[in-house]
């Protein structure tokens, strides 16, 4: 809503927003959504005790970490890579950062190209997902063609077992001593060669059954870990 309410956003090279009401755990997801929707690098900050902690997402081949380095003189700390960054800054320097980053993106605009078709919103470990996460996650709903569910990436899962059940392969996964159930859609029962260890792209969901809430992973794709 804060994005849509701002005039002239389609004339800017970048999007930098901040609020004390945003949860630090979900601003990366929202930044990814905004960057994809407006085809611009986007950085969102969560403000607390005079410090703004941010998460940024890039588009196309724009090198976000190199752009952030050009603003490093007013940052408290930063890190990341070409497509995603984390950073922090004193609240009083936010406006300066917004203006400086806008100039940097404009200067580097020749590196902005069309978005890839498949985009992962963020790296997220299922063990980090709790009820507070889903409270904020559900604020992004309703999901649909215009607002797809966030997509996450996680590495190195041991596949304990797999079976076909009602249109899905059900995978019993283990990582760091914790087990998770993954569901992978299949249109008919046919053998799928699933390696012993995989990286996954997934969306999380809660399966409510007999007064119990069970976290499950809807697996979109996987690769050998």
C-alpha atoms as a PDB file:
ATOM      1  CA  UNK A   1       0.000   0.000   0.000  1.00  0.00           C
ATOM      2  CA  UNK A   2       2.844   2.392   0.787  1.00  0.00           C
ATOM      3  CA  UNK A   3       4.242   1.783  -2.700  1.00  0.00           C
ATOM      4  CA  UNK A   4       0.947   2.248  -4.512  1.00  0.00           C
ATOM      5  CA  UNK A   5       0.213   5.480  -2.629  1.00  0.00           C
ATOM      6  CA  UNK A   6       3.378   7.223  -3.817  1.00  0.00           C
ATOM      7  CA  UNK A   7       3.094   9.484  -6.844  1.00  0.00           C
ATOM      8  CA  UNK A   8       5.619   9.247  -9.660  1.00  0.00           C
ATOM      9  CA  UNK A   9       7.020   5.890  -8.623  1.00  0.00           C
ATOM     10  CA  UNK A  10       7.025   4.817 -12.274  1.00  0.00           C
ATOM     11  CA  UNK A  11       9.454   7.668 -13.008  1.00  0.00           C
ATOM     12  CA  UNK A  12      12.036   6.584 -10.426  1.00  0.00           C
ATOM     13  CA  UNK A  13      14.986   4.294 -10.987  1.00  0.00           C
ATOM     14  CA  UNK A  14      14.758   2.659  -7.556  1.00  0.00           C
ATOM     15  CA  UNK A  15      12.351   2.062  -4.680  1.00  0.00           C
ATOM     16  CA  UNK A  16      13.452   2.628  -1.069  1.00  0.00           C
ATOM     17  CA  UNK A  17      10.800   2.453   1.664  1.00  0.00           C
ATOM     18  CA  UNK A  18      10.864   2.286   5.459  1.00  0.00           C
ATOM     19  CA  UNK A  19       8.486   1.744   8.368  1.00  0.00           C
ATOM     20  CA  UNK A  20       8.646   0.914  12.085  1.00  0.00           C
ATOM     21  CA  UNK A  21       5.663  -1.401  11.581  1.00  0.00           C
ATOM     22  CA  UNK A  22       7.348  -3.902   9.269  1.00  0.00           C
ATOM     23  CA  UNK A  23       8.696  -7.214  10.552  1.00  0.00           C
ATOM     24  CA  UNK A  24      12.360  -7.739   9.720  1.00  0.00           C
ATOM     25  CA  UNK A  25      11.666 -11.368   8.818  1.00  0.00           C
ATOM     26  CA  UNK A  26       9.422 -10.628   5.839  1.00  0.00           C
ATOM     27  CA  UNK A  27      10.771  -7.428   4.282  1.00  0.00           C
ATOM     28  CA  UNK A  28      13.004  -9.457   1.962  1.00  0.00           C
ATOM     29  CA  UNK A  29       9.957 -11.229   0.557  1.00  0.00           C
ATOM     30  CA  UNK A  30       8.105  -7.958   0.055  1.00  0.00           C
ATOM     31  CA  UNK A  31      11.158  -6.280  -1.506  1.00  0.00           C
ATOM     32  CA  UNK A  32      11.349  -9.125  -4.004  1.00  0.00           C
ATOM     33  CA  UNK A  33       7.670  -8.691  -4.868  1.00  0.00           C
ATOM     34  CA  UNK A  34       8.026  -4.936  -5.313  1.00  0.00           C
ATOM     35  CA  UNK A  35      11.146  -5.198  -7.484  1.00  0.00           C
ATOM     36  CA  UNK A  36       9.368  -7.662  -9.763  1.00  0.00           C
ATOM     37  CA  UNK A  37       6.136  -5.669  -9.922  1.00  0.00           C
ATOM     38  CA  UNK A  38       7.792  -2.337 -10.757  1.00  0.00           C
ATOM     39  CA  UNK A  39      10.874  -3.696 -12.553  1.00  0.00           C
ATOM     40  CA  UNK A  40      13.226  -1.729 -10.313  1.00  0.00           C
ATOM     41  CA  UNK A  41      15.718  -2.516  -7.539  1.00  0.00           C
ATOM     42  CA  UNK A  42      13.854  -2.290  -4.230  1.00  0.00           C
ATOM     43  CA  UNK A  43      15.063  -1.911  -0.640  1.00  0.00           C
ATOM     44  CA  UNK A  44      12.797  -2.029   2.409  1.00  0.00           C
ATOM     45  CA  UNK A  45      13.834  -0.983   5.919  1.00  0.00           C
ATOM     46  CA  UNK A  46      12.393  -1.974   9.281  1.00  0.00           C
ATOM     47  CA  UNK A  47      13.011   0.786  11.852  1.00  0.00           C
ATOM     48  CA  UNK A  48      13.682   0.175  15.530  1.00  0.00           C
ATOM     49  CA  UNK A  49      15.530   2.228  18.166  1.00  0.00           C
ATOM     50  CA  UNK A  50      16.891   4.710  15.639  1.00  0.00           C
ATOM     51  CA  UNK A  51      18.351   2.034  13.366  1.00  0.00           C
ATOM     52  CA  UNK A  52      16.904   0.996  10.015  1.00  0.00           C
ATOM     53  CA  UNK A  53      17.670  -2.591   9.034  1.00  0.00           C
ATOM     54  CA  UNK A  54      17.001  -3.312   5.397  1.00  0.00           C
ATOM     55  CA  UNK A  55      16.721  -6.014   2.797  1.00  0.00           C
ATOM     56  CA  UNK A  56      17.090  -5.358  -0.919  1.00  0.00           C
ATOM     57  CA  UNK A  57      16.363  -7.248  -4.116  1.00  0.00           C
ATOM     58  CA  UNK A  58      17.604  -6.578  -7.620  1.00  0.00           C
ATOM     59  CA  UNK A  59      16.188  -7.124 -11.085  1.00  0.00           C
ATOM     60  CA  UNK A  60      17.719  -8.680 -14.155  1.00  0.00           C
ATOM     61  CA  UNK A  61      21.488  -8.275 -14.241  1.00  0.00           C
ATOM     62  CA  UNK A  62      21.670  -5.115 -12.117  1.00  0.00           C
ATOM     63  CA  UNK A  63      24.490  -5.734  -9.611  1.00  0.00           C
ATOM     64  CA  UNK A  64      22.912  -4.691  -6.324  1.00  0.00           C
ATOM     65  CA  UNK A  65      25.891  -5.228  -4.033  1.00  0.00           C
ATOM     66  CA  UNK A  66      28.104  -3.072  -6.261  1.00  0.00           C
ATOM     67  CA  UNK A  67      25.452  -0.361  -6.197  1.00  0.00           C
ATOM     68  CA  UNK A  68      25.265  -0.544  -2.408  1.00  0.00           C
ATOM     69  CA  UNK A  69      29.044  -0.233  -2.133  1.00  0.00           C
ATOM     70  CA  UNK A  70      28.787   3.212  -3.723  1.00  0.00           C
ATOM     71  CA  UNK A  71      26.599   4.251  -0.773  1.00  0.00           C
ATOM     72  CA  UNK A  72      28.694   2.540   1.904  1.00  0.00           C
ATOM     73  CA  UNK A  73      29.975   5.781   3.432  1.00  0.00           C
ATOM     74  CA  UNK A  74      26.583   6.398   5.080  1.00  0.00           C
ATOM     75  CA  UNK A  75      25.810   2.777   5.982  1.00  0.00           C
ATOM     76  CA  UNK A  76      26.508   1.093   9.307  1.00  0.00           C
ATOM     77  CA  UNK A  77      26.988  -2.308   7.697  1.00  0.00           C
ATOM     78  CA  UNK A  78      26.059  -4.185   4.566  1.00  0.00           C
ATOM     79  CA  UNK A  79      26.538  -7.490   2.800  1.00  0.00           C
ATOM     80  CA  UNK A  80      25.093  -9.701   0.131  1.00  0.00           C
ATOM     81  CA  UNK A  81      25.556 -10.434  -3.531  1.00  0.00           C
ATOM     82  CA  UNK A  82      24.447  -9.375  -6.982  1.00  0.00           C
ATOM     83  CA  UNK A  83      20.750 -10.128  -6.476  1.00  0.00           C
ATOM     84  CA  UNK A  84      20.109  -9.568  -2.764  1.00  0.00           C
ATOM     85  CA  UNK A  85      21.572  -7.481   0.059  1.00  0.00           C
ATOM     86  CA  UNK A  86      21.147  -6.832   3.743  1.00  0.00           C
ATOM     87  CA  UNK A  87      22.132  -3.492   5.247  1.00  0.00           C
ATOM     88  CA  UNK A  88      21.639  -1.145   8.185  1.00  0.00           C
ATOM     89  CA  UNK A  89      21.740   2.624   8.536  1.00  0.00           C
ATOM     90  CA  UNK A  90      20.957   5.327  11.082  1.00  0.00           C
ATOM     91  CA  UNK A  91      17.451   6.667  10.590  1.00  0.00           C
ATOM     92  CA  UNK A  92      18.708  10.223  10.113  1.00  0.00           C
ATOM     93  CA  UNK A  93      20.666   9.095   7.038  1.00  0.00           C
ATOM     94  CA  UNK A  94      17.750   7.364   5.293  1.00  0.00           C
ATOM     95  CA  UNK A  95      16.825  10.299   3.061  1.00  0.00           C
ATOM     96  CA  UNK A  96      20.451  10.771   2.002  1.00  0.00           C
ATOM     97  CA  UNK A  97      20.690   7.082   1.193  1.00  0.00           C
ATOM     98  CA  UNK A  98      17.462   7.167  -0.813  1.00  0.00           C
ATOM     99  CA  UNK A  99      18.750  10.021  -2.977  1.00  0.00           C
ATOM    100  CA  UNK A 100      22.235   8.600  -3.374  1.00  0.00           C
ATOM    101  CA  UNK A 101      21.000   5.125  -4.270  1.00  0.00           C
ATOM    102  CA  UNK A 102      18.617   6.609  -6.833  1.00  0.00           C
ATOM    103  CA  UNK A 103      21.552   8.321  -8.568  1.00  0.00           C
ATOM    104  CA  UNK A 104      23.607   5.118  -8.476  1.00  0.00           C
ATOM    105  CA  UNK A 105      20.829   3.058 -10.065  1.00  0.00           C
ATOM    106  CA  UNK A 106      20.258   5.686 -12.750  1.00  0.00           C
ATOM    107  CA  UNK A 107      23.975   5.683 -13.564  1.00  0.00           C
ATOM    108  CA  UNK A 108      24.007   1.890 -13.788  1.00  0.00           C
ATOM    109  CA  UNK A 109      20.643   1.609 -15.547  1.00  0.00           C
ATOM    110  CA  UNK A 110      22.178   0.133 -18.678  1.00  0.00           C
ATOM    111  CA  UNK A 111      22.625  -3.073 -16.664  1.00  0.00           C
ATOM    112  CA  UNK A 112      18.898  -3.503 -16.031  1.00  0.00           C
ATOM    113  CA  UNK A 113      17.433  -6.102 -18.361  1.00  0.00           C
ATOM    114  CA  UNK A 114      14.262  -8.145 -18.595  1.00  0.00           C
ATOM    115  CA  UNK A 115      13.410 -10.283 -15.585  1.00  0.00           C
ATOM    116  CA  UNK A 116      13.885 -14.038 -15.720  1.00  0.00           C
ATOM    117  CA  UNK A 117      10.694 -16.079 -15.825  1.00  0.00           C
ATOM    118  CA  UNK A 118      11.383 -17.971 -12.603  1.00  0.00           C
ATOM    119  CA  UNK A 119      12.305 -15.936  -9.544  1.00  0.00           C
ATOM    120  CA  UNK A 120      13.009 -17.174  -6.021  1.00  0.00           C
ATOM    121  CA  UNK A 121      12.000 -14.621  -3.399  1.00  0.00           C
ATOM    122  CA  UNK A 122      14.500 -15.573  -0.720  1.00  0.00           C
ATOM    123  CA  UNK A 123      16.524 -18.326   0.930  1.00  0.00           C
ATOM    124  CA  UNK A 124      14.585 -19.620   3.927  1.00  0.00           C
ATOM    125  CA  UNK A 125      15.094 -22.608   6.192  1.00  0.00           C
ATOM    126  CA  UNK A 126      11.839 -24.345   7.188  1.00  0.00           C
ATOM    127  CA  UNK A 127      13.206 -24.594  10.731  1.00  0.00           C
ATOM    128  CA  UNK A 128      13.052 -20.775  10.883  1.00  0.00           C
ATOM    129  CA  UNK A 129       9.328 -20.699  10.078  1.00  0.00           C
ATOM    130  CA  UNK A 130       7.095 -20.156  13.118  1.00  0.00           C
ATOM    131  CA  UNK A 131       3.634 -18.800  13.912  1.00  0.00           C
ATOM    132  CA  UNK A 132       4.881 -15.200  13.817  1.00  0.00           C
ATOM    133  CA  UNK A 133       6.248 -15.749  10.319  1.00  0.00           C
ATOM    134  CA  UNK A 134       2.887 -17.032   9.099  1.00  0.00           C
ATOM    135  CA  UNK A 135       1.089 -14.084  10.697  1.00  0.00           C
ATOM    136  CA  UNK A 136       3.066 -11.762   8.416  1.00  0.00           C
ATOM    137  CA  UNK A 137       3.100 -14.230   5.534  1.00  0.00           C
ATOM    138  CA  UNK A 138      -0.703 -14.276   5.463  1.00  0.00           C
ATOM    139  CA  UNK A 139      -0.780 -10.476   5.246  1.00  0.00           C
ATOM    140  CA  UNK A 140       0.551 -10.874   1.696  1.00  0.00           C
ATOM    141  CA  UNK A 141      -2.576 -12.847   0.738  1.00  0.00           C
ATOM    142  CA  UNK A 142      -4.797 -13.378  -1.147  1.00  0.00           C
ATOM    143  CA  UNK A 143      -2.536 -15.199  -3.585  1.00  0.00           C
ATOM    144  CA  UNK A 144      -3.351 -15.682  -7.246  1.00  0.00           C
ATOM    145  CA  UNK A 145      -2.103 -14.914 -10.756  1.00  0.00           C
ATOM    146  CA  UNK A 146      -1.536 -11.244  -9.942  1.00  0.00           C
ATOM    147  CA  UNK A 147      -0.046 -12.009  -6.528  1.00  0.00           C
ATOM    148  CA  UNK A 148       1.694 -15.405  -6.545  1.00  0.00           C
ATOM    149  CA  UNK A 149       2.805 -17.103  -3.359  1.00  0.00           C
ATOM    150  CA  UNK A 150       6.383 -16.336  -2.237  1.00  0.00           C
ATOM    151  CA  UNK A 151       8.907 -18.920  -3.399  1.00  0.00           C
ATOM    152  CA  UNK A 152      11.882 -19.959  -1.270  1.00  0.00           C
ATOM    153  CA  UNK A 153      15.121 -21.898  -1.667  1.00  0.00           C
ATOM    154  CA  UNK A 154      16.812 -24.221   0.806  1.00  0.00           C
ATOM    155  CA  UNK A 155      19.777 -26.565   0.457  1.00  0.00           C
ATOM    156  CA  UNK A 156      20.972 -30.032   1.401  1.00  0.00           C
ATOM    157  CA  UNK A 157      17.983 -32.113   2.450  1.00  0.00           C
ATOM    158  CA  UNK A 158      18.306 -35.832   3.029  1.00  0.00           C
ATOM    159  CA  UNK A 159      15.444 -37.747   1.401  1.00  0.00           C
ATOM    160  CA  UNK A 160      14.393 -40.429   3.877  1.00  0.00           C
ATOM    161  CA  UNK A 161      11.502 -41.783   1.823  1.00  0.00           C
ATOM    162  CA  UNK A 162       9.139 -40.976  -1.038  1.00  0.00           C
ATOM    163  CA  UNK A 163       5.741 -42.312  -2.069  1.00  0.00           C
ATOM    164  CA  UNK A 164       2.962 -41.410  -4.479  1.00  0.00           C
ATOM    165  CA  UNK A 165      -0.358 -40.348  -2.933  1.00  0.00           C
ATOM    166  CA  UNK A 166      -3.369 -38.601  -4.502  1.00  0.00           C
ATOM    167  CA  UNK A 167      -1.573 -36.629  -7.192  1.00  0.00           C
ATOM    168  CA  UNK A 168       1.564 -35.880  -5.176  1.00  0.00           C
ATOM    169  CA  UNK A 169       4.866 -37.444  -4.337  1.00  0.00           C
ATOM    170  CA  UNK A 170       5.199 -37.237  -0.569  1.00  0.00           C
ATOM    171  CA  UNK A 171       8.808 -36.816   0.537  1.00  0.00           C
ATOM    172  CA  UNK A 172      10.042 -37.326   4.057  1.00  0.00           C
ATOM    173  CA  UNK A 173      12.953 -34.890   4.377  1.00  0.00           C
ATOM    174  CA  UNK A 174      15.567 -34.327   7.064  1.00  0.00           C
ATOM    175  CA  UNK A 175      17.987 -31.480   7.693  1.00  0.00           C
ATOM    176  CA  UNK A 176      19.964 -30.595  10.823  1.00  0.00           C
ATOM    177  CA  UNK A 177      18.150 -33.312  12.755  1.00  0.00           C
ATOM    178  CA  UNK A 178      14.672 -31.991  11.926  1.00  0.00           C
ATOM    179  CA  UNK A 179      12.190 -33.719   9.640  1.00  0.00           C
ATOM    180  CA  UNK A 180       9.788 -32.086   7.196  1.00  0.00           C
ATOM    181  CA  UNK A 181       7.128 -33.330   4.803  1.00  0.00           C
ATOM    182  CA  UNK A 182       7.434 -32.183   1.199  1.00  0.00           C
ATOM    183  CA  UNK A 183       4.688 -32.518  -1.416  1.00  0.00           C
ATOM    184  CA  UNK A 184       5.580 -32.523  -5.103  1.00  0.00           C
ATOM    185  CA  UNK A 185       2.740 -32.485  -7.631  1.00  0.00           C
ATOM    186  CA  UNK A 186       2.566 -35.236 -10.252  1.00  0.00           C
ATOM    187  CA  UNK A 187      -0.194 -35.685 -12.819  1.00  0.00           C
ATOM    188  CA  UNK A 188       0.008 -39.463 -12.757  1.00  0.00           C
ATOM    189  CA  UNK A 189       1.863 -42.181 -10.914  1.00  0.00           C
ATOM    190  CA  UNK A 190       5.128 -42.714 -12.661  1.00  0.00           C
ATOM    191  CA  UNK A 191       8.635 -43.289 -11.347  1.00  0.00           C
ATOM    192  CA  UNK A 192      10.610 -40.141 -10.505  1.00  0.00           C
ATOM    193  CA  UNK A 193      14.290 -40.521  -9.784  1.00  0.00           C
ATOM    194  CA  UNK A 194      14.726 -38.580  -6.542  1.00  0.00           C
ATOM    195  CA  UNK A 195      18.338 -38.345  -5.309  1.00  0.00           C
ATOM    196  CA  UNK A 196      19.311 -39.138  -1.741  1.00  0.00           C
ATOM    197  CA  UNK A 197      20.155 -35.492  -1.087  1.00  0.00           C
ATOM    198  CA  UNK A 198      18.462 -32.505  -2.723  1.00  0.00           C
ATOM    199  CA  UNK A 199      18.211 -28.723  -2.814  1.00  0.00           C
ATOM    200  CA  UNK A 200      14.615 -27.529  -3.011  1.00  0.00           C
ATOM    201  CA  UNK A 201      12.551 -24.603  -4.272  1.00  0.00           C
ATOM    202  CA  UNK A 202       9.308 -24.495  -2.326  1.00  0.00           C
ATOM    203  CA  UNK A 203       6.420 -22.611  -0.766  1.00  0.00           C
ATOM    204  CA  UNK A 204       5.464 -23.343   2.865  1.00  0.00           C
ATOM    205  CA  UNK A 205       1.916 -23.986   3.995  1.00  0.00           C
ATOM    206  CA  UNK A 206       0.054 -25.128   7.084  1.00  0.00           C
ATOM    207  CA  UNK A 207      -1.935 -28.355   6.842  1.00  0.00           C
ATOM    208  CA  UNK A 208      -4.706 -28.140   9.433  1.00  0.00           C
ATOM    209  CA  UNK A 209      -5.874 -31.629  10.321  1.00  0.00           C
ATOM    210  CA  UNK A 210      -7.795 -32.795  13.398  1.00  0.00           C
ATOM    211  CA  UNK A 211      -7.057 -29.624  15.384  1.00  0.00           C
ATOM    212  CA  UNK A 212      -3.339 -29.825  14.571  1.00  0.00           C
ATOM    213  CA  UNK A 213      -1.282 -27.420  12.456  1.00  0.00           C
ATOM    214  CA  UNK A 214       1.467 -29.180  10.504  1.00  0.00           C
ATOM    215  CA  UNK A 215       4.055 -27.273   8.484  1.00  0.00           C
ATOM    216  CA  UNK A 216       4.519 -28.779   5.033  1.00  0.00           C
ATOM    217  CA  UNK A 217       6.548 -27.780   1.986  1.00  0.00           C
ATOM    218  CA  UNK A 218       5.016 -27.572  -1.474  1.00  0.00           C
ATOM    219  CA  UNK A 219       8.049 -28.433  -3.610  1.00  0.00           C
ATOM    220  CA  UNK A 220       8.175 -26.635  -6.952  1.00  0.00           C
ATOM    221  CA  UNK A 221      11.503 -28.044  -8.102  1.00  0.00           C
ATOM    222  CA  UNK A 222      14.598 -29.806  -6.812  1.00  0.00           C
ATOM    223  CA  UNK A 223      18.168 -30.536  -7.813  1.00  0.00           C
ATOM    224  CA  UNK A 224      20.943 -32.812  -6.615  1.00  0.00           C
ATOM    225  CA  UNK A 225      22.646 -31.305  -3.570  1.00  0.00           C
END
